[in-house]
PDB file of all heavy atoms in Angstrom:
ATOM      1  N   ARG A   1       0.822  -1.203   0.000  1.00  0.00           N
ATOM      2  CA  ARG A   1      -0.007   0.002   0.003  1.00  0.00           C
ATOM      3  C   ARG A   1       0.877   1.260  -0.011  1.00  0.00           C
ATOM      4  O   ARG A   1       1.967   1.255   0.559  1.00  0.00           O
ATOM      5  CB  ARG A   1      -0.907   0.038   1.247  1.00  0.00           C
ATOM      6  CG  ARG A   1      -1.970  -1.033   1.282  1.00  0.00           C
ATOM      7  CD  ARG A   1      -2.687  -0.994   2.628  1.00  0.00           C
ATOM      8  NE  ARG A   1      -3.733  -2.015   2.693  1.00  0.00           N
ATOM      9  CZ  ARG A   1      -4.388  -2.322   3.794  1.00  0.00           C
ATOM     10  NH1 ARG A   1      -4.113  -1.676   4.925  1.00  0.00           N
ATOM     11  NH2 ARG A   1      -5.306  -3.253   3.792  1.00  0.00           N
ATOM     12  N   ALA A   2       0.328   2.303  -0.607  1.00  0.00           N
ATOM     13  CA  ALA A   2       0.930   3.626  -0.451  1.00  0.00           C
ATOM     14  C   ALA A   2       0.679   4.126   0.967  1.00  0.00           C
ATOM     15  O   ALA A   2      -0.135   3.576   1.717  1.00  0.00           O
ATOM     16  CB  ALA A   2       0.323   4.592  -1.467  1.00  0.00           C
ATOM     17  N   VAL A   3       1.399   5.164   1.346  1.00  0.00           N
ATOM     18  CA  VAL A   3       1.269   5.777   2.671  1.00  0.00           C
ATOM     19  C   VAL A   3       1.035   7.254   2.435  1.00  0.00           C
ATOM     20  O   VAL A   3       1.962   8.019   2.208  1.00  0.00           O
ATOM     21  CB  VAL A   3       2.536   5.542   3.518  1.00  0.00           C
ATOM     22  CG1 VAL A   3       2.424   6.296   4.832  1.00  0.00           C
ATOM     23  CG2 VAL A   3       2.746   4.052   3.742  1.00  0.00           C
ATOM     24  N   LEU A   4      -0.247   7.684   2.455  1.00  0.00           N
ATOM     25  CA  LEU A   4      -0.563   9.028   1.969  1.00  0.00           C
ATOM     26  C   LEU A   4      -1.452   9.821   2.928  1.00  0.00           C
ATOM     27  O   LEU A   4      -2.337  10.555   2.464  1.00  0.00           O
ATOM     28  CB  LEU A   4      -1.197   8.940   0.581  1.00  0.00           C
ATOM     29  CG  LEU A   4      -0.210   8.851  -0.585  1.00  0.00           C
ATOM     30  CD1 LEU A   4      -0.942   8.725  -1.895  1.00  0.00           C
ATOM     31  CD2 LEU A   4       0.696  10.069  -0.610  1.00  0.00           C
ATOM     32  N   HIS A   5      -1.244   9.683   4.205  1.00  0.00           N
ATOM     33  CA  HIS A   5      -1.960  10.588   5.122  1.00  0.00           C
ATOM     34  C   HIS A   5      -1.591  12.043   4.796  1.00  0.00           C
ATOM     35  O   HIS A   5      -2.392  12.943   5.054  1.00  0.00           O
ATOM     36  CB  HIS A   5      -1.639  10.270   6.570  1.00  0.00           C
ATOM     37  CG  HIS A   5      -0.161  10.141   6.861  1.00  0.00           C
ATOM     38  ND1 HIS A   5       0.540   9.015   6.565  1.00  0.00           N
ATOM     39  CD2 HIS A   5       0.710  11.025   7.425  1.00  0.00           C
ATOM     40  CE1 HIS A   5       1.798   9.180   6.946  1.00  0.00           C
ATOM     41  NE2 HIS A   5       1.940  10.396   7.455  1.00  0.00           N
ATOM     42  N   THR A   6      -0.405  12.269   4.234  1.00  0.00           N
ATOM     43  CA  THR A   6      -0.023  13.630   3.860  1.00  0.00           C
ATOM     44  C   THR A   6      -0.913  14.176   2.741  1.00  0.00           C
ATOM     45  O   THR A   6      -1.112  15.394   2.674  1.00  0.00           O
ATOM     46  CB  THR A   6       1.435  13.647   3.394  1.00  0.00           C
ATOM     47  OG1 THR A   6       1.642  12.651   2.373  1.00  0.00           O
ATOM     48  CG2 THR A   6       2.381  13.329   4.552  1.00  0.00           C
ATOM     49  N   ALA A   7      -1.469  13.313   1.894  1.00  0.00           N
ATOM     50  CA  ALA A   7      -2.349  13.795   0.825  1.00  0.00           C
ATOM     51  C   ALA A   7      -3.630  14.390   1.390  1.00  0.00           C
ATOM     52  O   ALA A   7      -4.234  15.277   0.772  1.00  0.00           O
ATOM     53  CB  ALA A   7      -2.694  12.636  -0.124  1.00  0.00           C
ATOM     54  N   LEU A   8      -4.040  13.946   2.561  1.00  0.00           N
ATOM     55  CA  LEU A   8      -5.286  14.438   3.160  1.00  0.00           C
ATOM     56  C   LEU A   8      -5.182  15.910   3.511  1.00  0.00           C
ATOM     57  O   LEU A   8      -6.216  16.587   3.635  1.00  0.00           O
ATOM     58  CB  LEU A   8      -5.597  13.636   4.414  1.00  0.00           C
ATOM     59  CG  LEU A   8      -5.830  12.127   4.191  1.00  0.00           C
ATOM     60  CD1 LEU A   8      -5.905  11.402   5.520  1.00  0.00           C
ATOM     61  CD2 LEU A   8      -7.084  11.882   3.380  1.00  0.00           C
ATOM     62  N   ARG A   9      -3.963  16.408   3.692  1.00  0.00           N
ATOM     63  CA  ARG A   9      -3.796  17.816   4.066  1.00  0.00           C
ATOM     64  C   ARG A   9      -3.049  18.583   2.969  1.00  0.00           C
ATOM     65  O   ARG A   9      -2.601  19.711   3.186  1.00  0.00           O
ATOM     66  CB  ARG A   9      -3.050  17.919   5.392  1.00  0.00           C
ATOM     67  CG  ARG A   9      -1.688  17.247   5.435  1.00  0.00           C
ATOM     68  CD  ARG A   9      -1.469  16.470   6.667  1.00  0.00           C
ATOM     69  NE  ARG A   9      -0.068  16.071   6.853  1.00  0.00           N
ATOM     70  CZ  ARG A   9       0.341  15.207   7.759  1.00  0.00           C
ATOM     71  NH1 ARG A   9      -0.523  14.612   8.587  1.00  0.00           N
ATOM     72  NH2 ARG A   9       1.636  14.908   7.883  1.00  0.00           N
ATOM     73  N   ALA A  10      -2.904  17.992   1.797  1.00  0.00           N
ATOM     74  CA  ALA A  10      -2.225  18.664   0.688  1.00  0.00           C
ATOM     75  C   ALA A  10      -3.116  19.759   0.109  1.00  0.00           C
ATOM     76  O   ALA A  10      -4.334  19.781   0.320  1.00  0.00           O
ATOM     77  CB  ALA A  10      -1.883  17.649  -0.398  1.00  0.00           C
ATOM     78  N   GLU A  11      -2.498  20.676  -0.632  1.00  0.00           N
ATOM     79  CA  GLU A  11      -3.264  21.700  -1.348  1.00  0.00           C
ATOM     80  C   GLU A  11      -4.208  20.990  -2.325  1.00  0.00           C
ATOM     81  O   GLU A  11      -3.850  20.019  -2.968  1.00  0.00           O
ATOM     82  CB  GLU A  11      -2.317  22.614  -2.139  1.00  0.00           C
ATOM     83  CG  GLU A  11      -1.443  23.507  -1.277  1.00  0.00           C
ATOM     84  CD  GLU A  11      -2.206  24.726  -0.749  1.00  0.00           C
ATOM     85  OE1 GLU A  11      -3.429  24.821  -1.012  1.00  0.00           O
ATOM     86  OE2 GLU A  11      -1.572  25.573  -0.095  1.00  0.00           O
ATOM     87  N   GLU A  12      -5.430  21.513  -2.434  1.00  0.00           N
ATOM     88  CA  GLU A  12      -6.422  20.885  -3.299  1.00  0.00           C
ATOM     89  C   GLU A  12      -6.021  20.899  -4.760  1.00  0.00           C
ATOM     90  O   GLU A  12      -6.512  20.099  -5.551  1.00  0.00           O
ATOM     91  CB  GLU A  12      -7.795  21.530  -3.096  1.00  0.00           C
ATOM     92  CG  GLU A  12      -8.371  21.264  -1.720  1.00  0.00           C
ATOM     93  CD  GLU A  12      -9.817  21.691  -1.583  1.00  0.00           C
ATOM     94  OE1 GLU A  12     -10.349  22.329  -2.532  1.00  0.00           O
ATOM     95  OE2 GLU A  12     -10.419  21.399  -0.523  1.00  0.00           O
ATOM     96  N   SER A  13      -5.107  21.788  -5.124  1.00  0.00           N
ATOM     97  CA  SER A  13      -4.651  21.854  -6.507  1.00  0.00           C
ATOM     98  C   SER A  13      -3.594  20.802  -6.812  1.00  0.00           C
ATOM     99  O   SER A  13      -3.190  20.640  -7.973  1.00  0.00           O
ATOM    100  CB  SER A  13      -4.083  23.243  -6.798  1.00  0.00           C
ATOM    101  OG  SER A  13      -3.009  23.526  -5.911  1.00  0.00           O
ATOM    102  N   ALA A  14      -3.124  20.089  -5.789  1.00  0.00           N
ATOM    103  CA  ALA A  14      -2.061  19.081  -5.998  1.00  0.00           C
ATOM    104  C   ALA A  14      -2.615  17.895  -6.792  1.00  0.00           C
ATOM    105  O   ALA A  14      -3.818  17.654  -6.851  1.00  0.00           O
ATOM    106  CB  ALA A  14      -1.555  18.597  -4.648  1.00  0.00           C
ATOM    107  N   ALA A  15      -1.696  17.191  -7.427  1.00  0.00           N
ATOM    108  CA  ALA A  15      -2.027  15.946  -8.123  1.00  0.00           C
ATOM    109  C   ALA A  15      -1.184  14.847  -7.506  1.00  0.00           C
ATOM    110  O   ALA A  15       0.041  14.830  -7.681  1.00  0.00           O
ATOM    111  CB  ALA A  15      -1.754  16.077  -9.618  1.00  0.00           C
ATOM    112  N   ILE A  16      -1.816  13.939  -6.783  1.00  0.00           N
ATOM    113  CA  ILE A  16      -1.112  12.835  -6.117  1.00  0.00           C
ATOM    114  C   ILE A  16      -1.708  11.544  -6.590  1.00  0.00           C
ATOM    115  O   ILE A  16      -2.920  11.314  -6.489  1.00  0.00           O
ATOM    116  CB  ILE A  16      -1.251  12.981  -4.587  1.00  0.00           C
ATOM    117  CG1 ILE A  16      -0.654  14.325  -4.132  1.00  0.00           C
ATOM    118  CG2 ILE A  16      -0.544  11.826  -3.880  1.00  0.00           C
ATOM    119  CD1 ILE A  16      -0.903  14.679  -2.693  1.00  0.00           C
ATOM    120  N   HIS A  17      -0.860  10.668  -7.126  1.00  0.00           N
ATOM    121  CA  HIS A  17      -1.342   9.478  -7.802  1.00  0.00           C
ATOM    122  C   HIS A  17      -1.044   8.203  -7.035  1.00  0.00           C
ATOM    123  O   HIS A  17       0.050   8.043  -6.458  1.00  0.00           O
ATOM    124  CB  HIS A  17      -0.715   9.391  -9.214  1.00  0.00           C
ATOM    125  CG  HIS A  17      -1.170  10.482 -10.137  1.00  0.00           C
ATOM    126  ND1 HIS A  17      -0.603  11.725 -10.128  1.00  0.00           N
ATOM    127  CD2 HIS A  17      -2.166  10.501 -11.090  1.00  0.00           C
ATOM    128  CE1 HIS A  17      -1.199  12.493 -11.044  1.00  0.00           C
ATOM    129  NE2 HIS A  17      -2.145  11.767 -11.630  1.00  0.00           N
ATOM    130  N   VAL A  18      -2.014   7.327  -6.994  1.00  0.00           N
ATOM    131  CA  VAL A  18      -1.844   5.979  -6.471  1.00  0.00           C
ATOM    132  C   VAL A  18      -2.291   5.029  -7.571  1.00  0.00           C
ATOM    133  O   VAL A  18      -3.405   5.127  -8.088  1.00  0.00           O
ATOM    134  CB  VAL A  18      -2.697   5.756  -5.207  1.00  0.00           C
ATOM    135  CG1 VAL A  18      -2.586   4.294  -4.755  1.00  0.00           C
ATOM    136  CG2 VAL A  18      -2.258   6.690  -4.086  1.00  0.00           C
ATOM    137  N   ASP A  19      -1.377   4.140  -7.967  1.00  0.00           N
ATOM    138  CA  ASP A  19      -1.651   3.201  -9.068  1.00  0.00           C
ATOM    139  C   ASP A  19      -2.118   3.938 -10.311  1.00  0.00           C
ATOM    140  O   ASP A  19      -3.047   3.534 -11.017  1.00  0.00           O
ATOM    141  CB  ASP A  19      -2.711   2.170  -8.660  1.00  0.00           C
ATOM    142  CG  ASP A  19      -2.249   1.306  -7.492  1.00  0.00           C
ATOM    143  OD1 ASP A  19      -1.027   1.032  -7.416  1.00  0.00           O
ATOM    144  OD2 ASP A  19      -3.087   0.923  -6.670  1.00  0.00           O
ATOM    145  N   GLY A  20      -1.486   5.072 -10.579  1.00  0.00           N
ATOM    146  CA  GLY A  20      -1.788   5.832 -11.785  1.00  0.00           C
ATOM    147  C   GLY A  20      -3.019   6.699 -11.733  1.00  0.00           C
ATOM    148  O   GLY A  20      -3.376   7.340 -12.727  1.00  0.00           O
ATOM    149  N   ARG A  21      -3.682   6.776 -10.575  1.00  0.00           N
ATOM    150  CA  ARG A  21      -4.931   7.543 -10.455  1.00  0.00           C
ATOM    151  C   ARG A  21      -4.773   8.667  -9.458  1.00  0.00           C
ATOM    152  O   ARG A  21      -4.281   8.473  -8.347  1.00  0.00           O
ATOM    153  CB  ARG A  21      -6.059   6.606 -10.010  1.00  0.00           C
ATOM    154  CG  ARG A  21      -7.418   7.270  -9.886  1.00  0.00           C
ATOM    155  CD  ARG A  21      -8.485   6.208  -9.639  1.00  0.00           C
ATOM    156  NE  ARG A  21      -9.790   6.816  -9.456  1.00  0.00           N
ATOM    157  CZ  ARG A  21     -10.289   7.198  -8.267  1.00  0.00           C
ATOM    158  NH1 ARG A  21      -9.560   7.049  -7.181  1.00  0.00           N
ATOM    159  NH2 ARG A  21     -11.480   7.738  -8.190  1.00  0.00           N
ATOM    160  N   ASN A  22      -5.162   9.879  -9.859  1.00  0.00           N
ATOM    161  CA  ASN A  22      -5.104  11.019  -8.974  1.00  0.00           C
ATOM    162  C   ASN A  22      -6.152  10.894  -7.867  1.00  0.00           C
ATOM    163  O   ASN A  22      -7.348  10.820  -8.133  1.00  0.00           O
ATOM    164  CB  ASN A  22      -5.356  12.312  -9.775  1.00  0.00           C
ATOM    165  CG  ASN A  22      -5.155  13.571  -8.938  1.00  0.00           C
ATOM    166  OD1 ASN A  22      -4.752  13.494  -7.779  1.00  0.00           O
ATOM    167  ND2 ASN A  22      -5.461  14.702  -9.514  1.00  0.00           N
ATOM    168  N   VAL A  23      -5.672  10.854  -6.603  1.00  0.00           N
ATOM    169  CA  VAL A  23      -6.600  10.615  -5.477  1.00  0.00           C
ATOM    170  C   VAL A  23      -7.176  11.919  -4.924  1.00  0.00           C
ATOM    171  O   VAL A  23      -8.088  11.875  -4.092  1.00  0.00           O
ATOM    172  CB  VAL A  23      -5.874   9.858  -4.326  1.00  0.00           C
ATOM    173  CG1 VAL A  23      -5.413   8.503  -4.805  1.00  0.00           C
ATOM    174  CG2 VAL A  23      -4.719  10.677  -3.751  1.00  0.00           C
ATOM    175  N   MET A  24      -6.672  13.059  -5.372  1.00  0.00           N
ATOM    176  CA  MET A  24      -7.143  14.321  -4.800  1.00  0.00           C
ATOM    177  C   MET A  24      -8.622  14.588  -5.026  1.00  0.00           C
ATOM    178  O   MET A  24      -9.294  15.099  -4.112  1.00  0.00           O
ATOM    179  CB  MET A  24      -6.271  15.475  -5.325  1.00  0.00           C
ATOM    180  CG  MET A  24      -4.868  15.481  -4.757  1.00  0.00           C
ATOM    181  SD  MET A  24      -4.786  15.451  -2.953  1.00  0.00           S
ATOM    182  CE  MET A  24      -5.607  16.975  -2.523  1.00  0.00           C
ATOM    183  N   PRO A  25      -9.204  14.295  -6.201  1.00  0.00           N
ATOM    184  CA  PRO A  25     -10.643  14.521  -6.341  1.00  0.00           C
ATOM    185  C   PRO A  25     -11.469  13.744  -5.324  1.00  0.00           C
ATOM    186  O   PRO A  25     -12.471  14.287  -4.791  1.00  0.00           O
ATOM    187  CB  PRO A  25     -10.926  14.043  -7.776  1.00  0.00           C
ATOM    188  CG  PRO A  25      -9.639  14.249  -8.505  1.00  0.00           C
ATOM    189  CD  PRO A  25      -8.585  13.926  -7.494  1.00  0.00           C
ATOM    190  N   ASP A  26     -11.075  12.520  -4.991  1.00  0.00           N
ATOM    191  CA  ASP A  26     -11.786  11.738  -3.977  1.00  0.00           C
ATOM    192  C   ASP A  26     -11.665  12.394  -2.604  1.00  0.00           C
ATOM    193  O   ASP A  26     -12.644  12.479  -1.843  1.00  0.00           O
ATOM    194  CB  ASP A  26     -11.241  10.306  -3.913  1.00  0.00           C
ATOM    195  CG  ASP A  26     -11.606   9.488  -5.133  1.00  0.00           C
ATOM    196  OD1 ASP A  26     -12.507   9.898  -5.873  1.00  0.00           O
ATOM    197  OD2 ASP A  26     -10.973   8.435  -5.336  1.00  0.00           O
ATOM    198  N   ILE A  27     -10.460  12.855  -2.271  1.00  0.00           N
ATOM    199  CA  ILE A  27     -10.234  13.487  -0.982  1.00  0.00           C
ATOM    200  C   ILE A  27     -11.064  14.762  -0.860  1.00  0.00           C
ATOM    201  O   ILE A  27     -11.730  14.994   0.157  1.00  0.00           O
ATOM    202  CB  ILE A  27      -8.720  13.817  -0.805  1.00  0.00           C
ATOM    203  CG1 ILE A  27      -7.927  12.514  -0.705  1.00  0.00           C
ATOM    204  CG2 ILE A  27      -8.495  14.694   0.424  1.00  0.00           C
ATOM    205  CD1 ILE A  27      -6.424  12.732  -0.706  1.00  0.00           C
ATOM    206  N   ILE A  28     -11.056  15.547  -1.917  1.00  0.00           N
ATOM    207  CA  ILE A  28     -11.824  16.789  -1.911  1.00  0.00           C
ATOM    208  C   ILE A  28     -13.312  16.502  -1.758  1.00  0.00           C
ATOM    209  O   ILE A  28     -14.047  17.199  -1.041  1.00  0.00           O
ATOM    210  CB  ILE A  28     -11.558  17.595  -3.196  1.00  0.00           C
ATOM    211  CG1 ILE A  28     -10.089  18.067  -3.205  1.00  0.00           C
ATOM    212  CG2 ILE A  28     -12.496  18.797  -3.311  1.00  0.00           C
ATOM    213  CD1 ILE A  28      -9.632  18.593  -4.545  1.00  0.00           C
ATOM    214  N   GLY A  29     -13.788  15.443  -2.430  1.00  0.00           N
ATOM    215  CA  GLY A  29     -15.198  15.088  -2.356  1.00  0.00           C
ATOM    216  C   GLY A  29     -15.635  14.694  -0.947  1.00  0.00           C
ATOM    217  O   GLY A  29     -16.684  15.126  -0.461  1.00  0.00           O
ATOM    218  N   VAL A  30     -14.797  13.890  -0.281  1.00  0.00           N
ATOM    219  CA  VAL A  30     -15.126  13.483   1.087  1.00  0.00           C
ATOM    220  C   VAL A  30     -15.076  14.693   2.028  1.00  0.00           C
ATOM    221  O   VAL A  30     -15.929  14.863   2.903  1.00  0.00           O
ATOM    222  CB  VAL A  30     -14.195  12.363   1.579  1.00  0.00           C
ATOM    223  CG1 VAL A  30     -14.402  12.087   3.065  1.00  0.00           C
ATOM    224  CG2 VAL A  30     -14.400  11.105   0.774  1.00  0.00           C
ATOM    225  N   LYS A  31     -14.082  15.556   1.853  1.00  0.00           N
ATOM    226  CA  LYS A  31     -14.001  16.770   2.680  1.00  0.00           C
ATOM    227  C   LYS A  31     -15.263  17.605   2.548  1.00  0.00           C
ATOM    228  O   LYS A  31     -15.777  18.142   3.531  1.00  0.00           O
ATOM    229  CB  LYS A  31     -12.799  17.600   2.253  1.00  0.00           C
ATOM    230  CG  LYS A  31     -11.464  17.155   2.790  1.00  0.00           C
ATOM    231  CD  LYS A  31     -10.409  18.183   2.355  1.00  0.00           C
ATOM    232  CE  LYS A  31      -9.026  17.745   2.738  1.00  0.00           C
ATOM    233  NZ  LYS A  31      -8.014  18.701   2.230  1.00  0.00           N
ATOM    234  N   LYS A  32     -15.749  17.748   1.336  1.00  0.00           N
ATOM    235  CA  LYS A  32     -16.952  18.561   1.102  1.00  0.00           C
ATOM    236  C   LYS A  32     -18.158  17.928   1.779  1.00  0.00           C
ATOM    237  O   LYS A  32     -18.960  18.617   2.427  1.00  0.00           O
ATOM    238  CB  LYS A  32     -17.222  18.722  -0.386  1.00  0.00           C
ATOM    239  CG  LYS A  32     -18.382  19.688  -0.714  1.00  0.00           C
ATOM    240  CD  LYS A  32     -18.595  19.856  -2.195  1.00  0.00           C
ATOM    241  CE  LYS A  32     -19.654  20.919  -2.460  1.00  0.00           C
ATOM    242  NZ  LYS A  32     -20.926  20.664  -1.747  1.00  0.00           N
ATOM    243  N   ARG A  33     -18.307  16.602   1.676  1.00  0.00           N
ATOM    244  CA  ARG A  33     -19.420  15.925   2.327  1.00  0.00           C
ATOM    245  C   ARG A  33     -19.343  16.075   3.834  1.00  0.00           C
ATOM    246  O   ARG A  33     -20.359  16.296   4.505  1.00  0.00           O
ATOM    247  CB  ARG A  33     -19.462  14.450   1.924  1.00  0.00           C
ATOM    248  CG  ARG A  33     -19.819  14.201   0.462  1.00  0.00           C
ATOM    249  CD  ARG A  33     -19.949  12.702   0.186  1.00  0.00           C
ATOM    250  NE  ARG A  33     -20.942  12.104   1.043  1.00  0.00           N
ATOM    251  CZ  ARG A  33     -20.746  11.036   1.835  1.00  0.00           C
ATOM    252  NH1 ARG A  33     -19.567  10.450   1.872  1.00  0.00           N
ATOM    253  NH2 ARG A  33     -21.729  10.549   2.558  1.00  0.00           N
ATOM    254  N   LEU A  34     -18.140  15.946   4.377  1.00  0.00           N
ATOM    255  CA  LEU A  34     -17.948  16.112   5.812  1.00  0.00           C
ATOM    256  C   LEU A  34     -18.304  17.537   6.249  1.00  0.00           C
ATOM    257  O   LEU A  34     -19.001  17.728   7.252  1.00  0.00           O
ATOM    258  CB  LEU A  34     -16.487  15.830   6.188  1.00  0.00           C
ATOM    259  CG  LEU A  34     -16.020  14.377   6.209  1.00  0.00           C
ATOM    260  CD1 LEU A  34     -14.504  14.318   6.271  1.00  0.00           C
ATOM    261  CD2 LEU A  34     -16.651  13.609   7.363  1.00  0.00           C
ATOM    262  N   ALA A  35     -17.839  18.514   5.485  1.00  0.00           N
ATOM    263  CA  ALA A  35     -18.131  19.909   5.832  1.00  0.00           C
ATOM    264  C   ALA A  35     -19.626  20.206   5.770  1.00  0.00           C
ATOM    265  O   ALA A  35     -20.177  20.890   6.650  1.00  0.00           O
ATOM    266  CB  ALA A  35     -17.349  20.841   4.913  1.00  0.00           C
ATOM    267  N   ASP A  36     -20.290  19.684   4.731  1.00  0.00           N
ATOM    268  CA  ASP A  36     -21.746  19.901   4.616  1.00  0.00           C
ATOM    269  C   ASP A  36     -22.475  19.286   5.797  1.00  0.00           C
ATOM    270  O   ASP A  36     -23.390  19.919   6.378  1.00  0.00           O
ATOM    271  CB  ASP A  36     -22.245  19.305   3.296  1.00  0.00           C
ATOM    272  CG  ASP A  36     -21.788  20.091   2.074  1.00  0.00           C
ATOM    273  OD1 ASP A  36     -21.336  21.232   2.234  1.00  0.00           O
ATOM    274  OD2 ASP A  36     -21.898  19.532   0.960  1.00  0.00           O
ATOM    275  N   PHE A  37     -22.074  18.084   6.156  1.00  0.00           N
ATOM    276  CA  PHE A  37     -22.726  17.404   7.290  1.00  0.00           C
ATOM    277  C   PHE A  37     -22.458  18.142   8.592  1.00  0.00           C
ATOM    278  O   PHE A  37     -23.369  18.395   9.393  1.00  0.00           O
ATOM    279  CB  PHE A  37     -22.232  15.967   7.391  1.00  0.00           C
ATOM    280  CG  PHE A  37     -22.785  15.234   8.589  1.00  0.00           C
ATOM    281  CD1 PHE A  37     -24.082  14.787   8.605  1.00  0.00           C
ATOM    282  CD2 PHE A  37     -21.975  14.989   9.693  1.00  0.00           C
ATOM    283  CE1 PHE A  37     -24.601  14.109   9.716  1.00  0.00           C
ATOM    284  CE2 PHE A  37     -22.475  14.321  10.812  1.00  0.00           C
ATOM    285  CZ  PHE A  37     -23.793  13.891  10.808  1.00  0.00           C
ATOM    286  N   ALA A  38     -21.204  18.550   8.807  1.00  0.00           N
ATOM    287  CA  ALA A  38     -20.845  19.261  10.030  1.00  0.00           C
ATOM    288  C   ALA A  38     -21.628  20.548  10.158  1.00  0.00           C
ATOM    289  O   ALA A  38     -22.128  20.899  11.243  1.00  0.00           O
ATOM    290  CB  ALA A  38     -19.348  19.520  10.071  1.00  0.00           C
ATOM    291  N   ASP A  39     -21.746  21.288   9.062  1.00  0.00           N
ATOM    292  CA  ASP A  39     -22.500  22.533   9.098  1.00  0.00           C
ATOM    293  C   ASP A  39     -23.973  22.297   9.445  1.00  0.00           C
ATOM    294  O   ASP A  39     -24.567  23.059  10.218  1.00  0.00           O
ATOM    295  CB  ASP A  39     -22.398  23.249   7.756  1.00  0.00           C
ATOM    296  CG  ASP A  39     -21.072  23.969   7.579  1.00  0.00           C
ATOM    297  OD1 ASP A  39     -20.416  24.277   8.582  1.00  0.00           O
ATOM    298  OD2 ASP A  39     -20.683  24.216   6.415  1.00  0.00           O
TER     299      ASP A  39
END
């Protein structure tokens, strides 16, 4: 496995790939859902 807890706090404009796939859109999506729920 990759070790990417650092990606969770990276700039949203970053491109971080796992197995050739940029994981940042997924991270941003979960953050948005969390923020909407928290609000």
